[in-house]
Every structure is written in structure tokens, then in C-alpha cells.
Amino acid sequence: MPNIKSQEKRDRQGIKRALKNKVLKTRIKSNKKKLAIAVEGKDFDAAKTDISLYFKSLDKAAKKSAVSKNFVANKKSKAAKLVNSLKQEK
């Protein structure tokens, strides 16, 4: 229990930020699952739309500092490889 007012405020701010970050990270995970389902079903058109949503959620999270830029770069690279592997099979 903090005795200093500024620390109480920092604690309140930290709780709000944690909730915002959790929302962003959950959105990333759910979009990743949608993409994985489309790739497993070998549906290239659905995968193409899902990858754009996935990239959008990753970029938004990076912009708000919920995840690092390197994390985003790695996830984008792996997702692009998955979708491109579907393109190769066609």
C-alpha cells in the first residue's frame, strides 16, 4: 500500500495500461488463430484477408508499445511465409 500520492497514481495508471495491452495482445492471438484456420483449410482468399487483419492488429499493438517492433517483425515474417506457401501450392 503506497503512502505517496504520486505512487498511488502510477499504480492506477499501470492498471489501466495493463488492461489496454491485454486487449491488444488478445486481438493479436485471435487474429493469428483465424489465419491458422484459413491456412489449414487451404483457403488462399480467406488467408489473404486474415493476414491483413493480423498485420493491422500487430502494427496497432506496436504503435501503442504493447509489443516490441522485433516481435512484430518476426510474427509478420512467419505469417507471410505461411500464406506464401499456400500460394506456391496453387
PDB file of N, CA and C in Angstrom:
ATOM      1  N   MET A   1       0.839  -1.172   0.000  1.00  0.00           N
ATOM      2  CA  MET A   1       0.000   0.000   0.000  1.00  0.00           C
ATOM      3  C   MET A   1       0.887   1.240   0.000  1.00  0.00           C
ATOM      4  N   PRO A   2       0.853   2.024  -1.080  1.00  0.00           N
ATOM      5  CA  PRO A   2       1.724   3.198  -1.153  1.00  0.00           C
ATOM      6  C   PRO A   2       1.267   4.327  -0.233  1.00  0.00           C
ATOM      7  N   ASN A   3       2.234   5.017   0.310  1.00  0.00           N
ATOM      8  CA  ASN A   3       1.952   6.174   1.171  1.00  0.00           C
ATOM      9  C   ASN A   3       2.043   7.483   0.403  1.00  0.00           C
ATOM     10  N   ILE A   4       2.581   7.429  -0.790  1.00  0.00           N
ATOM     11  CA  ILE A   4       2.827   8.646  -1.565  1.00  0.00           C
ATOM     12  C   ILE A   4       1.768   8.758  -2.651  1.00  0.00           C
ATOM     13  N   LYS A   5       1.210   9.968  -2.809  1.00  0.00           N
ATOM     14  CA  LYS A   5       0.129  10.184  -3.774  1.00  0.00           C
ATOM     15  C   LYS A   5       0.562   9.876  -5.201  1.00  0.00           C
ATOM     16  N   SER A   6       1.766  10.268  -5.543  1.00  0.00           N
ATOM     17  CA  SER A   6       2.222  10.046  -6.909  1.00  0.00           C
ATOM     18  C   SER A   6       2.350   8.549  -7.213  1.00  0.00           C
ATOM     19  N   GLN A   7       2.727   7.768  -6.207  1.00  0.00           N
ATOM     20  CA  GLN A   7       2.820   6.327  -6.418  1.00  0.00           C
ATOM     21  C   GLN A   7       1.444   5.698  -6.564  1.00  0.00           C
ATOM     22  N   GLU A   8       0.462   6.227  -5.838  1.00  0.00           N
ATOM     23  CA  GLU A   8      -0.916   5.747  -5.994  1.00  0.00           C
ATOM     24  C   GLU A   8      -1.396   5.990  -7.419  1.00  0.00           C
ATOM     25  N   LYS A   9      -1.080   7.162  -7.941  1.00  0.00           N
ATOM     26  CA  LYS A   9      -1.478   7.500  -9.307  1.00  0.00           C
ATOM     27  C   LYS A   9      -0.768   6.585 -10.306  1.00  0.00           C
ATOM     28  N   ARG A  10       0.512   6.327 -10.110  1.00  0.00           N
ATOM     29  CA  ARG A  10       1.265   5.445 -11.009  1.00  0.00           C
ATOM     30  C   ARG A  10       0.661   4.036 -10.996  1.00  0.00           C
ATOM     31  N   ASP A  11       0.221   3.593  -9.818  1.00  0.00           N
ATOM     32  CA  ASP A  11      -0.409   2.275  -9.728  1.00  0.00           C
ATOM     33  C   ASP A  11      -1.714   2.244 -10.524  1.00  0.00           C
ATOM     34  N   ARG A  12      -2.510   3.294 -10.415  1.00  0.00           N
ATOM     35  CA  ARG A  12      -3.763   3.368 -11.166  1.00  0.00           C
ATOM     36  C   ARG A  12      -3.491   3.384 -12.666  1.00  0.00           C
ATOM     37  N   GLN A  13      -2.499   4.151 -13.071  1.00  0.00           N
ATOM     38  CA  GLN A  13      -2.152   4.226 -14.487  1.00  0.00           C
ATOM     39  C   GLN A  13      -1.655   2.878 -15.006  1.00  0.00           C
ATOM     40  N   GLY A  14      -0.879   2.193 -14.174  1.00  0.00           N
ATOM     41  CA  GLY A  14      -0.350   0.889 -14.562  1.00  0.00           C
ATOM     42  C   GLY A  14      -1.453  -0.127 -14.788  1.00  0.00           C
ATOM     43  N   ILE A  15      -2.468  -0.078 -13.961  1.00  0.00           N
ATOM     44  CA  ILE A  15      -3.601  -0.996 -14.117  1.00  0.00           C
ATOM     45  C   ILE A  15      -4.330  -0.717 -15.425  1.00  0.00           C
ATOM     46  N   LYS A  16      -4.554   0.551 -15.743  1.00  0.00           N
ATOM     47  CA  LYS A  16      -5.229   0.924 -16.992  1.00  0.00           C
ATOM     48  C   LYS A  16      -4.414   0.487 -18.200  1.00  0.00           C
ATOM     49  N   ARG A  17      -3.106   0.701 -18.150  1.00  0.00           N
ATOM     50  CA  ARG A  17      -2.238   0.326 -19.263  1.00  0.00           C
ATOM     51  C   ARG A  17      -2.213  -1.188 -19.451  1.00  0.00           C
ATOM     52  N   ALA A  18      -2.193  -1.918 -18.354  1.00  0.00           N
ATOM     53  CA  ALA A  18      -2.170  -3.377 -18.438  1.00  0.00           C
ATOM     54  C   ALA A  18      -3.439  -3.890 -19.113  1.00  0.00           C
ATOM     55  N   LEU A  19      -4.576  -3.292 -18.808  1.00  0.00           N
ATOM     56  CA  LEU A  19      -5.832  -3.694 -19.439  1.00  0.00           C
ATOM     57  C   LEU A  19      -5.819  -3.409 -20.937  1.00  0.00           C
ATOM     58  N   LYS A  20      -5.322  -2.239 -21.318  1.00  0.00           N
ATOM     59  CA  LYS A  20      -5.245  -1.886 -22.738  1.00  0.00           C
ATOM     60  C   LYS A  20      -4.314  -2.842 -23.486  1.00  0.00           C
ATOM     61  N   ASN A  21      -3.163  -3.133 -22.873  1.00  0.00           N
ATOM     62  CA  ASN A  21      -2.210  -4.045 -23.504  1.00  0.00           C
ATOM     63  C   ASN A  21      -2.794  -5.449 -23.636  1.00  0.00           C
ATOM     64  N   LYS A  22      -3.560  -5.869 -22.638  1.00  0.00           N
ATOM     65  CA  LYS A  22      -4.166  -7.201 -22.685  1.00  0.00           C
ATOM     66  C   LYS A  22      -5.157  -7.296 -23.840  1.00  0.00           C
ATOM     67  N   VAL A  23      -5.926  -6.248 -24.050  1.00  0.00           N
ATOM     68  CA  VAL A  23      -6.883  -6.227 -25.162  1.00  0.00           C
ATOM     69  C   VAL A  23      -6.143  -6.356 -26.492  1.00  0.00           C
ATOM     70  N   LEU A  24      -5.073  -5.588 -26.651  1.00  0.00           N
ATOM     71  CA  LEU A  24      -4.308  -5.620 -27.895  1.00  0.00           C
ATOM     72  C   LEU A  24      -3.675  -6.992 -28.131  1.00  0.00           C
ATOM     73  N   LYS A  25      -3.118  -7.567 -27.088  1.00  0.00           N
ATOM     74  CA  LYS A  25      -2.465  -8.877 -27.232  1.00  0.00           C
ATOM     75  C   LYS A  25      -3.481  -9.976 -27.512  1.00  0.00           C
ATOM     76  N   THR A  26      -4.656  -9.871 -26.906  1.00  0.00           N
ATOM     77  CA  THR A  26      -5.708 -10.853 -27.164  1.00  0.00           C
ATOM     78  C   THR A  26      -6.172 -10.766 -28.602  1.00  0.00           C
ATOM     79  N   ARG A  27      -6.281  -9.553 -29.117  1.00  0.00           N
ATOM     80  CA  ARG A  27      -6.686  -9.365 -30.510  1.00  0.00           C
ATOM     81  C   ARG A  27      -5.661  -9.987 -31.455  1.00  0.00           C
ATOM     82  N   ILE A  28      -4.382  -9.841 -31.128  1.00  0.00           N
ATOM     83  CA  ILE A  28      -3.328 -10.445 -31.947  1.00  0.00           C
ATOM     84  C   ILE A  28      -3.494 -11.962 -31.974  1.00  0.00           C
ATOM     85  N   LYS A  29      -3.707 -12.550 -30.808  1.00  0.00           N
ATOM     86  CA  LYS A  29      -3.821 -14.006 -30.724  1.00  0.00           C
ATOM     87  C   LYS A  29      -5.036 -14.528 -31.470  1.00  0.00           C
ATOM     88  N   SER A  30      -6.161 -13.830 -31.351  1.00  0.00           N
ATOM     89  CA  SER A  30      -7.367 -14.307 -32.030  1.00  0.00           C
ATOM     90  C   SER A  30      -7.227 -14.185 -33.547  1.00  0.00           C
ATOM     91  N   ASN A  31      -6.598 -13.108 -34.024  1.00  0.00           N
ATOM     92  CA  ASN A  31      -6.371 -12.961 -35.467  1.00  0.00           C
ATOM     93  C   ASN A  31      -5.387 -14.011 -35.978  1.00  0.00           C
ATOM     94  N   LYS A  32      -4.423 -14.370 -35.149  1.00  0.00           N
ATOM     95  CA  LYS A  32      -3.463 -15.411 -35.536  1.00  0.00           C
ATOM     96  C   LYS A  32      -4.173 -16.758 -35.680  1.00  0.00           C
ATOM     97  N   LYS A  33      -5.098 -17.043 -34.766  1.00  0.00           N
ATOM     98  CA  LYS A  33      -5.842 -18.295 -34.837  1.00  0.00           C
ATOM     99  C   LYS A  33      -6.708 -18.352 -36.091  1.00  0.00           C
ATOM    100  N   LYS A  34      -7.345 -17.231 -36.443  1.00  0.00           N
ATOM    101  CA  LYS A  34      -8.158 -17.176 -37.656  1.00  0.00           C
ATOM    102  C   LYS A  34      -7.296 -17.457 -38.890  1.00  0.00           C
ATOM    103  N   LEU A  35      -6.114 -16.871 -38.906  1.00  0.00           N
ATOM    104  CA  LEU A  35      -5.195 -17.084 -40.017  1.00  0.00           C
ATOM    105  C   LEU A  35      -4.773 -18.546 -40.105  1.00  0.00           C
ATOM    106  N   ALA A  36      -4.481 -19.147 -38.959  1.00  0.00           N
ATOM    107  CA  ALA A  36      -4.061 -20.547 -38.939  1.00  0.00           C
ATOM    108  C   ALA A  36      -5.170 -21.460 -39.462  1.00  0.00           C
ATOM    109  N   ILE A  37      -6.412 -21.147 -39.114  1.00  0.00           N
ATOM    110  CA  ILE A  37      -7.542 -21.954 -39.587  1.00  0.00           C
ATOM    111  C   ILE A  37      -7.667 -21.847 -41.105  1.00  0.00           C
ATOM    112  N   ALA A  38      -7.512 -20.626 -41.632  1.00  0.00           N
ATOM    113  CA  ALA A  38      -7.600 -20.428 -43.078  1.00  0.00           C
ATOM    114  C   ALA A  38      -6.478 -21.171 -43.803  1.00  0.00           C
ATOM    115  N   VAL A  39      -5.278 -21.171 -43.228  1.00  0.00           N
ATOM    116  CA  VAL A  39      -4.137 -21.855 -43.856  1.00  0.00           C
ATOM    117  C   VAL A  39      -4.342 -23.372 -43.815  1.00  0.00           C
ATOM    118  N   GLU A  40      -4.849 -23.874 -42.694  1.00  0.00           N
ATOM    119  CA  GLU A  40      -5.105 -25.317 -42.593  1.00  0.00           C
ATOM    120  C   GLU A  40      -6.165 -25.761 -43.594  1.00  0.00           C
ATOM    121  N   GLY A  41      -7.149 -24.905 -43.828  1.00  0.00           N
ATOM    122  CA  GLY A  41      -8.196 -25.217 -44.788  1.00  0.00           C
ATOM    123  C   GLY A  41      -7.783 -24.979 -46.221  1.00  0.00           C
ATOM    124  N   LYS A  42      -6.573 -24.503 -46.406  1.00  0.00           N
ATOM    125  CA  LYS A  42      -6.002 -24.214 -47.730  1.00  0.00           C
ATOM    126  C   LYS A  42      -6.856 -23.219 -48.525  1.00  0.00           C
ATOM    127  N   ASP A  43      -7.447 -22.270 -47.802  1.00  0.00           N
ATOM    128  CA  ASP A  43      -8.274 -21.237 -48.425  1.00  0.00           C
ATOM    129  C   ASP A  43      -7.433 -19.975 -48.592  1.00  0.00           C
ATOM    130  N   PHE A  44      -6.911 -19.775 -49.795  1.00  0.00           N
ATOM    131  CA  PHE A  44      -5.979 -18.669 -50.035  1.00  0.00           C
ATOM    132  C   PHE A  44      -6.656 -17.309 -49.891  1.00  0.00           C
ATOM    133  N   ASP A  45      -7.886 -17.173 -50.384  1.00  0.00           N
ATOM    134  CA  ASP A  45      -8.575 -15.879 -50.308  1.00  0.00           C
ATOM    135  C   ASP A  45      -8.866 -15.481 -48.859  1.00  0.00           C
ATOM    136  N   ALA A  46      -9.314 -16.430 -48.056  1.00  0.00           N
ATOM    137  CA  ALA A  46      -9.575 -16.148 -46.644  1.00  0.00           C
ATOM    138  C   ALA A  46      -8.270 -15.834 -45.911  1.00  0.00           C
ATOM    139  N   ALA A  47      -7.215 -16.550 -46.260  1.00  0.00           N
ATOM    140  CA  ALA A  47      -5.914 -16.314 -45.627  1.00  0.00           C
ATOM    141  C   ALA A  47      -5.408 -14.916 -45.958  1.00  0.00           C
ATOM    142  N   LYS A  48      -5.670 -14.480 -47.182  1.00  0.00           N
ATOM    143  CA  LYS A  48      -5.225 -13.153 -47.594  1.00  0.00           C
ATOM    144  C   LYS A  48      -5.921 -12.055 -46.774  1.00  0.00           C
ATOM    145  N   THR A  49      -7.213 -12.197 -46.552  1.00  0.00           N
ATOM    146  CA  THR A  49      -7.927 -11.196 -45.753  1.00  0.00           C
ATOM    147  C   THR A  49      -7.533 -11.293 -44.281  1.00  0.00           C
ATOM    148  N   ASP A  50      -7.349 -12.529 -43.798  1.00  0.00           N
ATOM    149  CA  ASP A  50      -6.975 -12.707 -42.394  1.00  0.00           C
ATOM    150  C   ASP A  50      -5.570 -12.182 -42.104  1.00  0.00           C
ATOM    151  N   ILE A  51      -4.675 -12.308 -43.071  1.00  0.00           N
ATOM    152  CA  ILE A  51      -3.310 -11.819 -42.825  1.00  0.00           C
ATOM    153  C   ILE A  51      -3.290 -10.295 -42.740  1.00  0.00           C
ATOM    154  N   SER A  52      -4.148  -9.643 -43.494  1.00  0.00           N
ATOM    155  CA  SER A  52      -4.182  -8.179 -43.410  1.00  0.00           C
ATOM    156  C   SER A  52      -4.722  -7.734 -42.049  1.00  0.00           C
ATOM    157  N   LEU A  53      -5.719  -8.448 -41.525  1.00  0.00           N
ATOM    158  CA  LEU A  53      -6.224  -8.134 -40.190  1.00  0.00           C
ATOM    159  C   LEU A  53      -5.171  -8.404 -39.122  1.00  0.00           C
ATOM    160  N   TYR A  54      -4.439  -9.495 -39.299  1.00  0.00           N
ATOM    161  CA  TYR A  54      -3.375  -9.859 -38.363  1.00  0.00           C
ATOM    162  C   TYR A  54      -2.281  -8.797 -38.359  1.00  0.00           C
ATOM    163  N   PHE A  55      -1.867  -8.366 -39.553  1.00  0.00           N
ATOM    164  CA  PHE A  55      -0.845  -7.325 -39.652  1.00  0.00           C
ATOM    165  C   PHE A  55      -1.331  -6.024 -39.014  1.00  0.00           C
ATOM    166  N   LYS A  56      -2.592  -5.700 -39.236  1.00  0.00           N
ATOM    167  CA  LYS A  56      -3.148  -4.467 -38.679  1.00  0.00           C
ATOM    168  C   LYS A  56      -3.118  -4.504 -37.152  1.00  0.00           C
ATOM    169  N   SER A  57      -3.506  -5.634 -36.576  1.00  0.00           N
ATOM    170  CA  SER A  57      -3.506  -5.737 -35.119  1.00  0.00           C
ATOM    171  C   SER A  57      -2.081  -5.702 -34.561  1.00  0.00           C
ATOM    172  N   LEU A  58      -1.134  -6.315 -35.277  1.00  0.00           N
ATOM    173  CA  LEU A  58       0.267  -6.271 -34.839  1.00  0.00           C
ATOM    174  C   LEU A  58       0.813  -4.842 -34.883  1.00  0.00           C
ATOM    175  N   ASP A  59       0.531  -4.141 -35.974  1.00  0.00           N
ATOM    176  CA  ASP A  59       1.028  -2.773 -36.108  1.00  0.00           C
ATOM    177  C   ASP A  59       0.427  -1.840 -35.055  1.00  0.00           C
ATOM    178  N   LYS A  60      -0.850  -2.032 -34.775  1.00  0.00           N
ATOM    179  CA  LYS A  60      -1.509  -1.195 -33.789  1.00  0.00           C
ATOM    180  C   LYS A  60      -0.917  -1.427 -32.400  1.00  0.00           C
ATOM    181  N   ALA A  61      -0.641  -2.686 -32.072  1.00  0.00           N
ATOM    182  CA  ALA A  61      -0.053  -3.011 -30.771  1.00  0.00           C
ATOM    183  C   ALA A  61       1.363  -2.446 -30.656  1.00  0.00           C
ATOM    184  N   ALA A  62       2.114  -2.494 -31.749  1.00  0.00           N
ATOM    185  CA  ALA A  62       3.477  -1.951 -31.729  1.00  0.00           C
ATOM    186  C   ALA A  62       3.445  -0.434 -31.588  1.00  0.00           C
ATOM    187  N   LYS A  63       2.491   0.197 -32.241  1.00  0.00           N
ATOM    188  CA  LYS A  63       2.374   1.650 -32.174  1.00  0.00           C
ATOM    189  C   LYS A  63       2.072   2.106 -30.750  1.00  0.00           C
ATOM    190  N   LYS A  64       1.289   1.312 -30.028  1.00  0.00           N
ATOM    191  CA  LYS A  64       0.918   1.667 -28.663  1.00  0.00           C
ATOM    192  C   LYS A  64       1.868   1.061 -27.629  1.00  0.00           C
ATOM    193  N   SER A  65       2.968   0.504 -28.090  1.00  0.00           N
ATOM    194  CA  SER A  65       4.025  -0.070 -27.247  1.00  0.00           C
ATOM    195  C   SER A  65       3.559  -1.232 -26.384  1.00  0.00           C
ATOM    196  N   ALA A  66       2.584  -1.987 -26.851  1.00  0.00           N
ATOM    197  CA  ALA A  66       2.156  -3.184 -26.132  1.00  0.00           C
ATOM    198  C   ALA A  66       3.104  -4.337 -26.427  1.00  0.00           C
ATOM    199  N   VAL A  67       3.686  -4.342 -27.632  1.00  0.00           N
ATOM    200  CA  VAL A  67       4.675  -5.343 -28.026  1.00  0.00           C
ATOM    201  C   VAL A  67       5.824  -4.616 -28.725  1.00  0.00           C
ATOM    202  N   SER A  68       6.958  -5.294 -28.820  1.00  0.00           N
ATOM    203  CA  SER A  68       8.123  -4.652 -29.419  1.00  0.00           C
ATOM    204  C   SER A  68       8.087  -4.737 -30.948  1.00  0.00           C
ATOM    205  N   LYS A  69       8.861  -3.905 -31.584  1.00  0.00           N
ATOM    206  CA  LYS A  69       8.930  -3.890 -33.049  1.00  0.00           C
ATOM    207  C   LYS A  69       9.510  -5.187 -33.590  1.00  0.00           C
ATOM    208  N   ASN A  70      10.481  -5.760 -32.880  1.00  0.00           N
ATOM    209  CA  ASN A  70      11.088  -7.017 -33.326  1.00  0.00           C
ATOM    210  C   ASN A  70      10.091  -8.169 -33.250  1.00  0.00           C
ATOM    211  N   PHE A  71       9.263  -8.177 -32.216  1.00  0.00           N
ATOM    212  CA  PHE A  71       8.204  -9.179 -32.085  1.00  0.00           C
ATOM    213  C   PHE A  71       7.279  -9.111 -33.295  1.00  0.00           C
ATOM    214  N   VAL A  72       6.897  -7.896 -33.659  1.00  0.00           N
ATOM    215  CA  VAL A  72       6.004  -7.688 -34.799  1.00  0.00           C
ATOM    216  C   VAL A  72       6.664  -8.153 -36.092  1.00  0.00           C
ATOM    217  N   ALA A  73       7.917  -7.813 -36.266  1.00  0.00           N
ATOM    218  CA  ALA A  73       8.632  -8.201 -37.480  1.00  0.00           C
ATOM    219  C   ALA A  73       8.710  -9.723 -37.612  1.00  0.00           C
ATOM    220  N   ASN A  74       9.000 -10.406 -36.517  1.00  0.00           N
ATOM    221  CA  ASN A  74       9.088 -11.869 -36.547  1.00  0.00           C
ATOM    222  C   ASN A  74       7.743 -12.506 -36.869  1.00  0.00           C
ATOM    223  N   LYS A  75       6.684 -11.999 -36.243  1.00  0.00           N
ATOM    224  CA  LYS A  75       5.348 -12.568 -36.466  1.00  0.00           C
ATOM    225  C   LYS A  75       4.880 -12.320 -37.901  1.00  0.00           C
ATOM    226  N   LYS A  76       5.162 -11.140 -38.425  1.00  0.00           N
ATOM    227  CA  LYS A  76       4.770 -10.825 -39.802  1.00  0.00           C
ATOM    228  C   LYS A  76       5.504 -11.728 -40.789  1.00  0.00           C
ATOM    229  N   SER A  77       6.770 -11.946 -40.541  1.00  0.00           N
ATOM    230  CA  SER A  77       7.571 -12.777 -41.432  1.00  0.00           C
ATOM    231  C   SER A  77       7.039 -14.211 -41.468  1.00  0.00           C
ATOM    232  N   LYS A  78       6.746 -14.759 -40.299  1.00  0.00           N
ATOM    233  CA  LYS A  78       6.245 -16.133 -40.238  1.00  0.00           C
ATOM    234  C   LYS A  78       4.879 -16.257 -40.890  1.00  0.00           C
ATOM    235  N   ALA A  79       4.026 -15.269 -40.680  1.00  0.00           N
ATOM    236  CA  ALA A  79       2.689 -15.307 -41.278  1.00  0.00           C
ATOM    237  C   ALA A  79       2.772 -15.200 -42.796  1.00  0.00           C
ATOM    238  N   ALA A  80       3.646 -14.348 -43.279  1.00  0.00           N
ATOM    239  CA  ALA A  80       3.803 -14.187 -44.730  1.00  0.00           C
ATOM    240  C   ALA A  80       4.314 -15.489 -45.360  1.00  0.00           C
ATOM    241  N   LYS A  81       5.222 -16.169 -44.680  1.00  0.00           N
ATOM    242  CA  LYS A  81       5.712 -17.449 -45.183  1.00  0.00           C
ATOM    243  C   LYS A  81       4.583 -18.466 -45.285  1.00  0.00           C
ATOM    244  N   LEU A  82       3.715 -18.488 -44.283  1.00  0.00           N
ATOM    245  CA  LEU A  82       2.586 -19.423 -44.296  1.00  0.00           C
ATOM    246  C   LEU A  82       1.673 -19.167 -45.487  1.00  0.00           C
ATOM    247  N   VAL A  83       1.308 -17.904 -45.679  1.00  0.00           N
ATOM    248  CA  VAL A  83       0.389 -17.559 -46.770  1.00  0.00           C
ATOM    249  C   VAL A  83       1.051 -17.793 -48.123  1.00  0.00           C
ATOM    250  N   ASN A  84       2.329 -17.476 -48.230  1.00  0.00           N
ATOM    251  CA  ASN A  84       3.039 -17.712 -49.483  1.00  0.00           C
ATOM    252  C   ASN A  84       3.175 -19.201 -49.790  1.00  0.00           C
ATOM    253  N   SER A  85       3.230 -20.030 -48.767  1.00  0.00           N
ATOM    254  CA  SER A  85       3.288 -21.474 -49.018  1.00  0.00           C
ATOM    255  C   SER A  85       1.982 -21.962 -49.635  1.00  0.00           C
ATOM    256  N   LEU A  86       0.866 -21.334 -49.278  1.00  0.00           N
ATOM    257  CA  LEU A  86      -0.404 -21.670 -49.919  1.00  0.00           C
ATOM    258  C   LEU A  86      -0.401 -21.242 -51.383  1.00  0.00           C
ATOM    259  N   LYS A  87       0.188 -20.102 -51.631  1.00  0.00           N
ATOM    260  CA  LYS A  87       0.255 -19.580 -52.995  1.00  0.00           C
ATOM    261  C   LYS A  87       1.070 -20.515 -53.887  1.00  0.00           C
ATOM    262  N   GLN A  88       2.141 -21.076 -53.322  1.00  0.00           N
ATOM    263  CA  GLN A  88       3.013 -21.979 -54.066  1.00  0.00           C
ATOM    264  C   GLN A  88       2.278 -23.265 -54.462  1.00  0.00           C
ATOM    265  N   GLU A  89       1.377 -23.721 -53.579  1.00  0.00           N
ATOM    266  CA  GLU A  89       0.675 -24.981 -53.820  1.00  0.00           C
ATOM    267  C   GLU A  89      -0.348 -24.875 -54.937  1.00  0.00           C
ATOM    268  N   LYS A  90      -0.840 -23.677 -55.182  1.00  0.00           N
ATOM    269  CA  LYS A  90      -1.876 -23.496 -56.207  1.00  0.00           C
ATOM    270  C   LYS A  90      -1.413 -23.846 -57.569  1.00  0.00           C
TER     271      LYS A  90
END
